[in-house]
């Protein structure tokens, strides 16, 4: 290989020219790591709604890597638990009222 500045023949592994001190070739750059796509996933939200434990675990594991998707799954899981609790209380009250009225 030859130096692009002075034309002196240099080693193929050389980083700088030993004759003129010029930088040889282009510096190596690390390839960038692929970035995970961070969009809210409707499929994950539906899964978190029907299996709230999945949503909480997904949020706990992925909130740094994909914060939008993880937050959506966590919120959906919490909404599902609150809705489940609310409906359970309503059904229990209705059942208790119906049972007492039948006696």
C-alpha atoms as a PDB file:
ATOM      1  CA  UNK A   1       0.000   0.000   0.000  1.00  0.00           C
ATOM      2  CA  UNK A   2       1.163   3.572  -0.660  1.00  0.00           C
ATOM      3  CA  UNK A   3       0.682   6.717   1.434  1.00  0.00           C
ATOM      4  CA  UNK A   4      -1.904   9.004  -0.153  1.00  0.00           C
ATOM      5  CA  UNK A   5      -0.010  12.111   0.994  1.00  0.00           C
ATOM      6  CA  UNK A   6       3.672  11.424   0.172  1.00  0.00           C
ATOM      7  CA  UNK A   7       3.450   8.267  -1.985  1.00  0.00           C
ATOM      8  CA  UNK A   8       5.885   6.202   0.108  1.00  0.00           C
ATOM      9  CA  UNK A   9       5.270   2.465   0.202  1.00  0.00           C
ATOM     10  CA  UNK A  10       4.009   1.410   3.633  1.00  0.00           C
ATOM     11  CA  UNK A  11       2.796  -1.772   5.302  1.00  0.00           C
ATOM     12  CA  UNK A  12      -0.806  -2.852   4.660  1.00  0.00           C
ATOM     13  CA  UNK A  13      -1.461  -2.902   8.442  1.00  0.00           C
ATOM     14  CA  UNK A  14      -0.066   0.618   8.993  1.00  0.00           C
ATOM     15  CA  UNK A  15      -2.311   3.224  10.565  1.00  0.00           C
ATOM     16  CA  UNK A  16       0.021   6.172   9.913  1.00  0.00           C
ATOM     17  CA  UNK A  17       2.745   6.761   7.353  1.00  0.00           C
ATOM     18  CA  UNK A  18       6.218   6.267   8.910  1.00  0.00           C
ATOM     19  CA  UNK A  19       7.692   8.765   6.456  1.00  0.00           C
ATOM     20  CA  UNK A  20       5.348  11.775   6.731  1.00  0.00           C
ATOM     21  CA  UNK A  21       3.105  10.880   9.715  1.00  0.00           C
ATOM     22  CA  UNK A  22      -0.149  11.207   7.771  1.00  0.00           C
ATOM     23  CA  UNK A  23      -3.097   9.085   8.728  1.00  0.00           C
ATOM     24  CA  UNK A  24      -3.571   6.152   6.377  1.00  0.00           C
ATOM     25  CA  UNK A  25      -7.014   4.925   5.413  1.00  0.00           C
ATOM     26  CA  UNK A  26     -10.184   5.665   7.242  1.00  0.00           C
ATOM     27  CA  UNK A  27     -10.559   4.986  10.950  1.00  0.00           C
ATOM     28  CA  UNK A  28     -12.558   1.915  11.735  1.00  0.00           C
ATOM     29  CA  UNK A  29     -15.954   2.613  13.197  1.00  0.00           C
ATOM     30  CA  UNK A  30     -18.028   0.232  15.203  1.00  0.00           C
ATOM     31  CA  UNK A  31     -21.225  -0.816  13.520  1.00  0.00           C
ATOM     32  CA  UNK A  32     -24.165   0.618  15.387  1.00  0.00           C
ATOM     33  CA  UNK A  33     -26.289  -1.810  17.342  1.00  0.00           C
ATOM     34  CA  UNK A  34     -29.771  -2.242  15.905  1.00  0.00           C
ATOM     35  CA  UNK A  35     -32.278  -0.099  17.736  1.00  0.00           C
ATOM     36  CA  UNK A  36     -35.412  -1.868  18.912  1.00  0.00           C
ATOM     37  CA  UNK A  37     -38.556  -0.348  17.480  1.00  0.00           C
ATOM     38  CA  UNK A  38     -40.489   1.360  20.273  1.00  0.00           C
ATOM     39  CA  UNK A  39     -44.080   1.603  19.136  1.00  0.00           C
ATOM     40  CA  UNK A  40     -47.098   0.672  21.195  1.00  0.00           C
ATOM     41  CA  UNK A  41     -48.120  -2.854  20.235  1.00  0.00           C
ATOM     42  CA  UNK A  42     -51.860  -3.527  20.170  1.00  0.00           C
ATOM     43  CA  UNK A  43     -51.200  -7.266  20.366  1.00  0.00           C
ATOM     44  CA  UNK A  44     -49.125  -6.897  23.530  1.00  0.00           C
ATOM     45  CA  UNK A  45     -51.779  -4.622  25.045  1.00  0.00           C
ATOM     46  CA  UNK A  46     -54.544  -7.154  24.330  1.00  0.00           C
ATOM     47  CA  UNK A  47     -52.407  -9.895  25.843  1.00  0.00           C
ATOM     48  CA  UNK A  48     -51.709  -7.710  28.907  1.00  0.00           C
ATOM     49  CA  UNK A  49     -55.437  -7.035  29.275  1.00  0.00           C
ATOM     50  CA  UNK A  50     -56.387 -10.712  29.360  1.00  0.00           C
ATOM     51  CA  UNK A  51     -53.248 -11.812  31.234  1.00  0.00           C
ATOM     52  CA  UNK A  52     -52.329  -8.852  33.465  1.00  0.00           C
ATOM     53  CA  UNK A  53     -49.340 -10.642  34.953  1.00  0.00           C
ATOM     54  CA  UNK A  54     -47.770 -10.664  31.468  1.00  0.00           C
ATOM     55  CA  UNK A  55     -48.137  -6.882  31.242  1.00  0.00           C
ATOM     56  CA  UNK A  56     -46.502  -6.272  34.607  1.00  0.00           C
ATOM     57  CA  UNK A  57     -43.627  -8.656  33.888  1.00  0.00           C
ATOM     58  CA  UNK A  58     -43.097  -7.186  30.399  1.00  0.00           C
ATOM     59  CA  UNK A  59     -43.031  -3.680  31.856  1.00  0.00           C
ATOM     60  CA  UNK A  60     -40.526  -4.702  34.543  1.00  0.00           C
ATOM     61  CA  UNK A  61     -38.193  -6.363  32.045  1.00  0.00           C
ATOM     62  CA  UNK A  62     -38.402  -3.954  29.096  1.00  0.00           C
ATOM     63  CA  UNK A  63     -39.021  -0.452  30.495  1.00  0.00           C
ATOM     64  CA  UNK A  64     -35.448   0.664  29.672  1.00  0.00           C
ATOM     65  CA  UNK A  65     -35.211  -0.849  26.183  1.00  0.00           C
ATOM     66  CA  UNK A  66     -38.682  -0.001  24.848  1.00  0.00           C
ATOM     67  CA  UNK A  67     -40.290   2.469  27.275  1.00  0.00           C
ATOM     68  CA  UNK A  68     -43.407   3.281  25.224  1.00  0.00           C
ATOM     69  CA  UNK A  69     -44.345  -0.347  24.593  1.00  0.00           C
ATOM     70  CA  UNK A  70     -43.552  -1.372  28.175  1.00  0.00           C
ATOM     71  CA  UNK A  71     -45.535   1.530  29.657  1.00  0.00           C
ATOM     72  CA  UNK A  72     -48.559   0.691  27.500  1.00  0.00           C
ATOM     73  CA  UNK A  73     -48.450  -2.959  28.614  1.00  0.00           C
ATOM     74  CA  UNK A  74     -48.090  -1.967  32.270  1.00  0.00           C
ATOM     75  CA  UNK A  75     -50.976   0.506  32.145  1.00  0.00           C
ATOM     76  CA  UNK A  76     -53.179  -2.010  30.332  1.00  0.00           C
ATOM     77  CA  UNK A  77     -52.435  -4.630  33.002  1.00  0.00           C
ATOM     78  CA  UNK A  78     -53.320  -2.190  35.798  1.00  0.00           C
ATOM     79  CA  UNK A  79     -56.552  -1.166  34.053  1.00  0.00           C
ATOM     80  CA  UNK A  80     -57.436  -4.834  33.633  1.00  0.00           C
ATOM     81  CA  UNK A  81     -56.872  -5.548  37.342  1.00  0.00           C
ATOM     82  CA  UNK A  82     -58.923  -2.520  38.433  1.00  0.00           C
ATOM     83  CA  UNK A  83     -61.750  -3.431  36.047  1.00  0.00           C
ATOM     84  CA  UNK A  84     -61.668  -7.036  37.248  1.00  0.00           C
ATOM     85  CA  UNK A  85     -61.825  -5.930  40.895  1.00  0.00           C
ATOM     86  CA  UNK A  86     -64.673  -3.495  40.186  1.00  0.00           C
ATOM     87  CA  UNK A  87     -66.713  -6.093  38.298  1.00  0.00           C
ATOM     88  CA  UNK A  88     -66.080  -8.699  41.012  1.00  0.00           C
ATOM     89  CA  UNK A  89     -67.421  -6.349  43.673  1.00  0.00           C
ATOM     90  CA  UNK A  90     -70.495  -5.470  41.575  1.00  0.00           C
ATOM     91  CA  UNK A  91     -71.239  -9.125  40.847  1.00  0.00           C
ATOM     92  CA  UNK A  92     -70.804 -10.051  44.511  1.00  0.00           C
ATOM     93  CA  UNK A  93     -73.196  -7.301  45.637  1.00  0.00           C
ATOM     94  CA  UNK A  94     -75.798  -8.250  43.019  1.00  0.00           C
ATOM     95  CA  UNK A  95     -75.486 -11.922  43.986  1.00  0.00           C
ATOM     96  CA  UNK A  96     -75.873 -11.109  47.696  1.00  0.00           C
ATOM     97  CA  UNK A  97     -78.957  -8.951  47.028  1.00  0.00           C
ATOM     98  CA  UNK A  98     -80.560 -11.634  44.879  1.00  0.00           C
ATOM     99  CA  UNK A  99     -79.862 -14.372  47.412  1.00  0.00           C
ATOM    100  CA  UNK A 100     -81.350 -12.380  50.294  1.00  0.00           C
ATOM    101  CA  UNK A 101     -84.435 -11.496  48.268  1.00  0.00           C
ATOM    102  CA  UNK A 102     -85.072 -15.141  47.392  1.00  0.00           C
ATOM    103  CA  UNK A 103     -85.038 -16.266  51.016  1.00  0.00           C
END
